[in-house]
Amino acid sequence: MALPPLVLLHGLGSRRQVWDPIVPALSARFTVHALDLPGASVPELADRVLAAVPPPFHVAGSSMGGGVALELGRRGHALSVTAFAPIGFWGPVSRRWCQLSVTAARSCARALGPSLPRLASSAAGRVALFGLFFGHPTRVDPAVGVADAQALAVWPGFRTARDAFAQHTFPAPGLGALTDIPVCIAWGPRDLILPVFQARRARRRLPAARHVRLAGCGHLPFADDPEACLAAFAT
């Protein structure tokens, strides 16, 4: 029997490999499609996903990818939605903070360039380089962390996607089919990009969803606690 499809969507400036810590376990349950996203708005990215993978499918997204996952669920294309710290539950200040912090991380990655491997080789260097994104930056594999930073430095369409955040607030234009499928919203209390207080807004706007706190995790929780992330999936 064929396994059900699962689409995995990363965040702004990230790459599909961010899901690697949990892909092997997910592959035992699903046919996994981890996509690399270009720079575009949430509705445009939802259209691109539909062009790449025929619906219906289960979908999980991180940050910007979480916003896209919710949009796909709202449109009625998803069998379930799992969103890790999704964008759209911000106010004007926290939205701007998200844009500025990721832009600063990108500028840092571009400026450091060849120095990244040397800096990532020490625990203190990993805290400085990766502490914005991970709850436990010293545990980040240096080679993986450097590859993530290099991807952020050259991510295509970064400015387009970042600037489109200003037009994205959930729910707009409404919940749609999200009320008819399993939905889980998961947030790490050490998230410095989209701080966890935004989870309260998510709970108010999606009261029927399951809301999960990922203890000890940061904005990218998959390396921080793979087992907790797997347990959060809405299926």
C-alpha atoms as a PDB file:
ATOM      1  CA  MET A   1       0.000   0.000   0.000  1.00  0.00           C
ATOM      2  CA  ALA A   2       1.331   3.435  -0.946  1.00  0.00           C
ATOM      3  CA  LEU A   3       2.191   5.752   1.911  1.00  0.00           C
ATOM      4  CA  PRO A   4       0.249   9.047   2.094  1.00  0.00           C
ATOM      5  CA  PRO A   5       2.090  12.114   0.788  1.00  0.00           C
ATOM      6  CA  LEU A   6       3.591  14.653   3.181  1.00  0.00           C
ATOM      7  CA  VAL A   7       4.929  18.021   1.997  1.00  0.00           C
ATOM      8  CA  LEU A   8       7.581  19.765   4.132  1.00  0.00           C
ATOM      9  CA  LEU A   9       8.088  23.518   3.742  1.00  0.00           C
ATOM     10  CA  HIS A  10      10.987  25.508   5.210  1.00  0.00           C
ATOM     11  CA  GLY A  11      11.152  29.140   6.273  1.00  0.00           C
ATOM     12  CA  LEU A  12      12.586  32.387   4.916  1.00  0.00           C
ATOM     13  CA  GLY A  13      16.186  31.934   3.812  1.00  0.00           C
ATOM     14  CA  SER A  14      16.253  28.279   4.821  1.00  0.00           C
ATOM     15  CA  ARG A  15      16.484  25.013   2.849  1.00  0.00           C
ATOM     16  CA  ARG A  16      14.761  21.665   2.722  1.00  0.00           C
ATOM     17  CA  GLN A  17      17.579  20.036   4.720  1.00  0.00           C
ATOM     18  CA  VAL A  18      16.334  21.788   7.867  1.00  0.00           C
ATOM     19  CA  TRP A  19      13.940  18.818   8.177  1.00  0.00           C
ATOM     20  CA  ASP A  20      16.706  16.190   8.004  1.00  0.00           C
ATOM     21  CA  PRO A  21      16.668  15.328  11.734  1.00  0.00           C
ATOM     22  CA  ILE A  22      13.098  14.000  11.427  1.00  0.00           C
ATOM     23  CA  VAL A  23      12.837  12.902   7.775  1.00  0.00           C
ATOM     24  CA  PRO A  24      13.950   9.288   8.382  1.00  0.00           C
ATOM     25  CA  ALA A  25      11.183   8.731  10.951  1.00  0.00           C
ATOM     26  CA  LEU A  26       8.610  10.523   8.797  1.00  0.00           C
ATOM     27  CA  SER A  27       9.583   8.412   5.787  1.00  0.00           C
ATOM     28  CA  ALA A  28       8.347   5.323   7.613  1.00  0.00           C
ATOM     29  CA  ARG A  29       4.849   6.856   7.678  1.00  0.00           C
ATOM     30  CA  PHE A  30       4.686   9.050   4.572  1.00  0.00           C
ATOM     31  CA  THR A  31       5.982   9.606   1.080  1.00  0.00           C
ATOM     32  CA  VAL A  32       7.948  12.728   1.956  1.00  0.00           C
ATOM     33  CA  HIS A  33       8.293  15.698  -0.398  1.00  0.00           C
ATOM     34  CA  ALA A  34      10.706  18.218   1.154  1.00  0.00           C
ATOM     35  CA  LEU A  35      10.674  21.253  -1.128  1.00  0.00           C
ATOM     36  CA  ASP A  36      13.085  24.130  -1.629  1.00  0.00           C
ATOM     37  CA  LEU A  37      11.069  27.342  -1.782  1.00  0.00           C
ATOM     38  CA  PRO A  38      12.028  30.516  -3.683  1.00  0.00           C
ATOM     39  CA  GLY A  39      11.286  34.048  -2.568  1.00  0.00           C
ATOM     40  CA  ALA A  40       7.605  34.901  -2.982  1.00  0.00           C
ATOM     41  CA  SER A  41       4.504  35.777  -0.980  1.00  0.00           C
ATOM     42  CA  VAL A  42       2.574  33.156   0.977  1.00  0.00           C
ATOM     43  CA  PRO A  43      -0.242  32.853  -1.627  1.00  0.00           C
ATOM     44  CA  GLU A  44       2.299  32.589  -4.442  1.00  0.00           C
ATOM     45  CA  LEU A  45       4.262  29.930  -2.580  1.00  0.00           C
ATOM     46  CA  ALA A  46       1.060  27.964  -1.970  1.00  0.00           C
ATOM     47  CA  ASP A  47       0.469  28.026  -5.739  1.00  0.00           C
ATOM     48  CA  ARG A  48       4.016  26.766  -6.355  1.00  0.00           C
ATOM     49  CA  VAL A  49       3.544  23.884  -3.927  1.00  0.00           C
ATOM     50  CA  LEU A  50       0.338  22.856  -5.701  1.00  0.00           C
ATOM     51  CA  ALA A  51       2.193  22.900  -9.018  1.00  0.00           C
ATOM     52  CA  ALA A  52       4.928  20.651  -7.592  1.00  0.00           C
ATOM     53  CA  VAL A  53       2.858  18.099  -5.632  1.00  0.00           C
ATOM     54  CA  PRO A  54      -0.729  17.151  -6.533  1.00  0.00           C
ATOM     55  CA  PRO A  55      -3.159  17.507  -3.628  1.00  0.00           C
ATOM     56  CA  PRO A  56      -4.488  16.336  -1.308  1.00  0.00           C
ATOM     57  CA  PHE A  57      -1.508  15.815   0.977  1.00  0.00           C
ATOM     58  CA  HIS A  58      -0.466  16.228   4.570  1.00  0.00           C
ATOM     59  CA  VAL A  59       1.658  19.355   4.972  1.00  0.00           C
ATOM     60  CA  ALA A  60       4.039  20.677   7.595  1.00  0.00           C
ATOM     61  CA  GLY A  61       5.791  24.018   7.558  1.00  0.00           C
ATOM     62  CA  SER A  62       8.324  25.957   9.554  1.00  0.00           C
ATOM     63  CA  SER A  63       8.040  29.736  10.023  1.00  0.00           C
ATOM     64  CA  MET A  64       7.207  31.112   6.545  1.00  0.00           C
ATOM     65  CA  GLY A  65       6.582  27.526   5.479  1.00  0.00           C
ATOM     66  CA  GLY A  66       4.123  27.246   8.357  1.00  0.00           C
ATOM     67  CA  GLY A  67       2.215  30.185   6.949  1.00  0.00           C
ATOM     68  CA  VAL A  68       2.142  28.472   3.563  1.00  0.00           C
ATOM     69  CA  ALA A  69       0.996  25.198   5.157  1.00  0.00           C
ATOM     70  CA  LEU A  70      -1.905  26.983   6.844  1.00  0.00           C
ATOM     71  CA  GLU A  71      -2.813  28.656   3.559  1.00  0.00           C
ATOM     72  CA  LEU A  72      -2.903  25.285   1.803  1.00  0.00           C
ATOM     73  CA  GLY A  73      -5.126  23.952   4.564  1.00  0.00           C
ATOM     74  CA  ARG A  74      -7.367  27.006   4.377  1.00  0.00           C
ATOM     75  CA  ARG A  75      -7.830  26.430   0.639  1.00  0.00           C
ATOM     76  CA  GLY A  76      -8.881  22.816   1.207  1.00  0.00           C
ATOM     77  CA  HIS A  77      -5.844  21.075  -0.294  1.00  0.00           C
ATOM     78  CA  ALA A  78      -4.418  19.533   2.895  1.00  0.00           C
ATOM     79  CA  LEU A  79      -5.347  16.371   4.762  1.00  0.00           C
ATOM     80  CA  SER A  80      -3.695  17.811   7.872  1.00  0.00           C
ATOM     81  CA  VAL A  81      -1.525  20.806   8.763  1.00  0.00           C
ATOM     82  CA  THR A  82       1.369  20.964  11.214  1.00  0.00           C
ATOM     83  CA  ALA A  83       2.903  24.421  11.595  1.00  0.00           C
ATOM     84  CA  PHE A  84       6.060  25.072  13.617  1.00  0.00           C
ATOM     85  CA  ALA A  85       6.200  28.744  14.701  1.00  0.00           C
ATOM     86  CA  PRO A  86       4.210  29.919  11.666  1.00  0.00           C
ATOM     87  CA  ILE A  87       4.313  33.503  10.492  1.00  0.00           C
ATOM     88  CA  GLY A  88       1.153  35.607  10.564  1.00  0.00           C
ATOM     89  CA  PHE A  89       0.361  35.653  14.291  1.00  0.00           C
ATOM     90  CA  TRP A  90       2.413  38.778  14.848  1.00  0.00           C
ATOM     91  CA  GLY A  91       1.699  42.433  15.470  1.00  0.00           C
ATOM     92  CA  PRO A  92       3.492  45.208  13.562  1.00  0.00           C
ATOM     93  CA  VAL A  93       6.444  45.330  15.973  1.00  0.00           C
ATOM     94  CA  SER A  94       7.028  41.575  16.165  1.00  0.00           C
ATOM     95  CA  ARG A  95       6.645  41.264  12.400  1.00  0.00           C
ATOM     96  CA  ARG A  96       9.280  43.939  11.884  1.00  0.00           C
ATOM     97  CA  TRP A  97      11.538  42.239  14.424  1.00  0.00           C
ATOM     98  CA  CYS A  98      11.280  38.994  12.451  1.00  0.00           C
ATOM     99  CA  GLN A  99      12.216  40.758   9.224  1.00  0.00           C
ATOM    100  CA  LEU A 100      15.136  42.641  10.801  1.00  0.00           C
ATOM    101  CA  SER A 101      16.569  39.689  12.710  1.00  0.00           C
ATOM    102  CA  VAL A 102      16.643  37.334   9.728  1.00  0.00           C
ATOM    103  CA  THR A 103      18.037  40.113   7.527  1.00  0.00           C
ATOM    104  CA  ALA A 104      20.806  40.699  10.093  1.00  0.00           C
ATOM    105  CA  ALA A 105      21.595  36.975  10.163  1.00  0.00           C
ATOM    106  CA  ARG A 106      21.815  36.962   6.363  1.00  0.00           C
ATOM    107  CA  SER A 107      24.137  39.988   6.364  1.00  0.00           C
ATOM    108  CA  CYS A 108      26.308  38.303   8.986  1.00  0.00           C
ATOM    109  CA  ALA A 109      26.530  35.081   6.967  1.00  0.00           C
ATOM    110  CA  ARG A 110      27.484  37.010   3.839  1.00  0.00           C
ATOM    111  CA  ALA A 111      30.083  39.108   5.641  1.00  0.00           C
ATOM    112  CA  LEU A 112      31.758  36.196   7.411  1.00  0.00           C
ATOM    113  CA  GLY A 113      31.871  33.974   4.328  1.00  0.00           C
ATOM    114  CA  PRO A 114      35.060  31.856   4.470  1.00  0.00           C
ATOM    115  CA  SER A 115      35.366  32.353   8.245  1.00  0.00           C
ATOM    116  CA  LEU A 116      32.146  30.442   8.970  1.00  0.00           C
ATOM    117  CA  PRO A 117      33.718  26.941   9.302  1.00  0.00           C
ATOM    118  CA  ARG A 118      36.387  28.179  11.710  1.00  0.00           C
ATOM    119  CA  LEU A 119      33.881  30.042  13.864  1.00  0.00           C
ATOM    120  CA  ALA A 120      31.463  27.094  13.912  1.00  0.00           C
ATOM    121  CA  SER A 121      34.195  24.751  15.155  1.00  0.00           C
ATOM    122  CA  SER A 122      33.945  26.096  18.732  1.00  0.00           C
ATOM    123  CA  ALA A 123      30.976  26.019  21.107  1.00  0.00           C
ATOM    124  CA  ALA A 124      31.189  29.792  21.622  1.00  0.00           C
ATOM    125  CA  GLY A 125      31.224  30.330  17.866  1.00  0.00           C
ATOM    126  CA  ARG A 126      28.139  28.162  17.386  1.00  0.00           C
ATOM    127  CA  VAL A 127      26.282  30.129  20.046  1.00  0.00           C
ATOM    128  CA  ALA A 128      27.163  33.379  18.256  1.00  0.00           C
ATOM    129  CA  LEU A 129      26.324  32.056  14.790  1.00  0.00           C
ATOM    130  CA  PHE A 130      23.290  29.875  15.473  1.00  0.00           C
ATOM    131  CA  GLY A 131      21.827  31.045  18.780  1.00  0.00           C
ATOM    132  CA  LEU A 132      19.172  33.127  17.045  1.00  0.00           C
ATOM    133  CA  PHE A 133      17.645  30.016  15.478  1.00  0.00           C
ATOM    134  CA  PHE A 134      18.289  27.087  17.830  1.00  0.00           C
ATOM    135  CA  GLY A 135      17.444  26.487  21.466  1.00  0.00           C
ATOM    136  CA  HIS A 136      20.655  24.448  21.839  1.00  0.00           C
ATOM    137  CA  PRO A 137      23.133  25.992  19.370  1.00  0.00           C
ATOM    138  CA  THR A 138      26.160  24.170  20.798  1.00  0.00           C
ATOM    139  CA  ARG A 139      24.591  20.876  19.669  1.00  0.00           C
ATOM    140  CA  VAL A 140      24.344  21.999  16.040  1.00  0.00           C
ATOM    141  CA  ASP A 141      26.576  19.968  13.735  1.00  0.00           C
ATOM    142  CA  PRO A 142      29.153  22.554  12.563  1.00  0.00           C
ATOM    143  CA  ALA A 143      29.021  21.421   8.927  1.00  0.00           C
ATOM    144  CA  VAL A 144      25.220  21.538   8.889  1.00  0.00           C
ATOM    145  CA  GLY A 145      25.137  24.936  10.573  1.00  0.00           C
ATOM    146  CA  VAL A 146      27.627  26.359   8.082  1.00  0.00           C
ATOM    147  CA  ALA A 147      25.617  24.966   5.168  1.00  0.00           C
ATOM    148  CA  ASP A 148      22.469  26.578   6.610  1.00  0.00           C
ATOM    149  CA  ALA A 149      24.271  29.928   6.935  1.00  0.00           C
ATOM    150  CA  GLN A 150      25.630  29.684   3.394  1.00  0.00           C
ATOM    151  CA  ALA A 151      22.151  28.923   2.076  1.00  0.00           C
ATOM    152  CA  LEU A 152      20.763  31.959   3.905  1.00  0.00           C
ATOM    153  CA  ALA A 153      23.503  34.151   2.418  1.00  0.00           C
ATOM    154  CA  VAL A 154      22.544  33.319  -1.180  1.00  0.00           C
ATOM    155  CA  TRP A 155      18.837  32.454  -0.828  1.00  0.00           C
ATOM    156  CA  PRO A 156      17.042  33.577  -4.030  1.00  0.00           C
ATOM    157  CA  GLY A 157      14.320  36.169  -3.687  1.00  0.00           C
ATOM    158  CA  PHE A 158      15.065  36.904  -0.040  1.00  0.00           C
ATOM    159  CA  ARG A 159      13.979  40.536  -0.177  1.00  0.00           C
ATOM    160  CA  THR A 160      10.786  39.717  -2.079  1.00  0.00           C
ATOM    161  CA  ALA A 161       9.654  37.124   0.468  1.00  0.00           C
ATOM    162  CA  ARG A 162      10.722  39.219   3.465  1.00  0.00           C
ATOM    163  CA  ASP A 163       8.907  42.328   2.262  1.00  0.00           C
ATOM    164  CA  ALA A 164       5.761  40.308   1.520  1.00  0.00           C
ATOM    165  CA  PHE A 165       5.504  39.560   5.255  1.00  0.00           C
ATOM    166  CA  ALA A 166       4.027  43.049   5.661  1.00  0.00           C
ATOM    167  CA  GLN A 167       0.886  41.896   3.814  1.00  0.00           C
ATOM    168  CA  HIS A 168       0.495  38.597   5.666  1.00  0.00           C
ATOM    169  CA  THR A 169      -1.643  38.242   8.775  1.00  0.00           C
ATOM    170  CA  PHE A 170      -3.562  35.121   9.748  1.00  0.00           C
ATOM    171  CA  PRO A 171      -6.440  34.542   9.098  1.00  0.00           C
ATOM    172  CA  ALA A 172      -6.981  36.353   5.852  1.00  0.00           C
ATOM    173  CA  PRO A 173      -9.474  36.039   4.278  1.00  0.00           C
ATOM    174  CA  GLY A 174     -10.714  33.391   6.731  1.00  0.00           C
ATOM    175  CA  LEU A 175     -10.200  29.935   8.197  1.00  0.00           C
ATOM    176  CA  GLY A 176     -11.710  28.127   5.218  1.00  0.00           C
ATOM    177  CA  ALA A 177     -11.238  24.350   5.402  1.00  0.00           C
ATOM    178  CA  LEU A 178      -8.890  24.494   8.415  1.00  0.00           C
ATOM    179  CA  THR A 179     -11.881  23.803  10.661  1.00  0.00           C
ATOM    180  CA  ASP A 180     -12.420  20.444   8.918  1.00  0.00           C
ATOM    181  CA  ILE A 181      -8.942  18.856   9.235  1.00  0.00           C
ATOM    182  CA  PRO A 182      -6.430  18.079  12.004  1.00  0.00           C
ATOM    183  CA  VAL A 183      -4.227  21.112  12.711  1.00  0.00           C
ATOM    184  CA  CYS A 184      -1.339  21.414  15.148  1.00  0.00           C
ATOM    185  CA  ILE A 185       0.571  24.592  15.970  1.00  0.00           C
ATOM    186  CA  ALA A 186       3.902  23.990  17.731  1.00  0.00           C
ATOM    187  CA  TRP A 187       6.156  26.622  19.287  1.00  0.00           C
ATOM    188  CA  GLY A 188       9.490  26.561  21.081  1.00  0.00           C
ATOM    189  CA  PRO A 189       9.781  28.804  24.164  1.00  0.00           C
ATOM    190  CA  ARG A 190      13.360  29.706  23.153  1.00  0.00           C
ATOM    191  CA  ASP A 191      12.244  31.060  19.769  1.00  0.00           C
ATOM    192  CA  LEU A 192      13.991  34.405  19.240  1.00  0.00           C
ATOM    193  CA  ILE A 193      12.706  35.010  15.688  1.00  0.00           C
ATOM    194  CA  LEU A 194       8.967  34.625  16.344  1.00  0.00           C
ATOM    195  CA  PRO A 195       8.784  34.780  20.154  1.00  0.00           C
ATOM    196  CA  VAL A 196       6.468  32.323  21.837  1.00  0.00           C
ATOM    197  CA  PHE A 197       3.947  34.954  22.977  1.00  0.00           C
ATOM    198  CA  GLN A 198       2.633  34.749  19.417  1.00  0.00           C
ATOM    199  CA  ALA A 199       1.431  31.234  20.257  1.00  0.00           C
ATOM    200  CA  ARG A 200      -1.303  32.848  22.376  1.00  0.00           C
ATOM    201  CA  ARG A 201      -2.635  34.623  19.292  1.00  0.00           C
ATOM    202  CA  ALA A 202      -2.515  31.360  17.381  1.00  0.00           C
ATOM    203  CA  ARG A 203      -4.566  29.696  20.111  1.00  0.00           C
ATOM    204  CA  ARG A 204      -7.194  32.444  19.959  1.00  0.00           C
ATOM    205  CA  ARG A 205      -7.432  32.415  16.182  1.00  0.00           C
ATOM    206  CA  LEU A 206      -7.376  28.621  15.823  1.00  0.00           C
ATOM    207  CA  PRO A 207      -9.169  27.422  18.964  1.00  0.00           C
ATOM    208  CA  ALA A 208      -9.992  24.002  17.507  1.00  0.00           C
ATOM    209  CA  ALA A 209      -6.358  23.202  16.682  1.00  0.00           C
ATOM    210  CA  ARG A 210      -3.966  21.299  18.935  1.00  0.00           C
ATOM    211  CA  HIS A 211      -1.374  23.676  20.382  1.00  0.00           C
ATOM    212  CA  VAL A 212       1.965  22.273  21.529  1.00  0.00           C
ATOM    213  CA  ARG A 213       4.856  23.805  23.490  1.00  0.00           C
ATOM    214  CA  LEU A 214       8.232  22.310  22.474  1.00  0.00           C
ATOM    215  CA  ALA A 215      10.192  22.576  25.708  1.00  0.00           C
ATOM    216  CA  GLY A 216      13.745  23.847  25.295  1.00  0.00           C
ATOM    217  CA  CYS A 217      13.389  24.421  21.569  1.00  0.00           C
ATOM    218  CA  GLY A 218      14.173  27.458  19.457  1.00  0.00           C
ATOM    219  CA  HIS A 219      12.856  28.718  16.156  1.00  0.00           C
ATOM    220  CA  LEU A 220      14.141  25.648  14.299  1.00  0.00           C
ATOM    221  CA  PRO A 221      13.224  22.862  16.719  1.00  0.00           C
ATOM    222  CA  PHE A 222      14.002  19.822  14.587  1.00  0.00           C
ATOM    223  CA  ALA A 223      17.600  19.434  15.755  1.00  0.00           C
ATOM    224  CA  ASP A 224      16.779  20.654  19.276  1.00  0.00           C
ATOM    225  CA  ASP A 225      14.278  17.854  19.971  1.00  0.00           C
ATOM    226  CA  PRO A 226      13.411  15.579  17.045  1.00  0.00           C
ATOM    227  CA  GLU A 227      11.137  13.335  19.089  1.00  0.00           C
ATOM    228  CA  ALA A 228       9.018  16.226  20.360  1.00  0.00           C
ATOM    229  CA  CYS A 229       8.689  17.536  16.804  1.00  0.00           C
ATOM    230  CA  LEU A 230       7.572  14.140  15.531  1.00  0.00           C
ATOM    231  CA  ALA A 231       4.985  13.884  18.314  1.00  0.00           C
ATOM    232  CA  ALA A 232       3.559  17.266  17.261  1.00  0.00           C
ATOM    233  CA  PHE A 233       2.445  16.110  13.807  1.00  0.00           C
ATOM    234  CA  ALA A 234      -1.287  16.548  13.366  1.00  0.00           C
ATOM    235  CA  THR A 235      -1.940  13.158  11.753  1.00  0.00           C
END
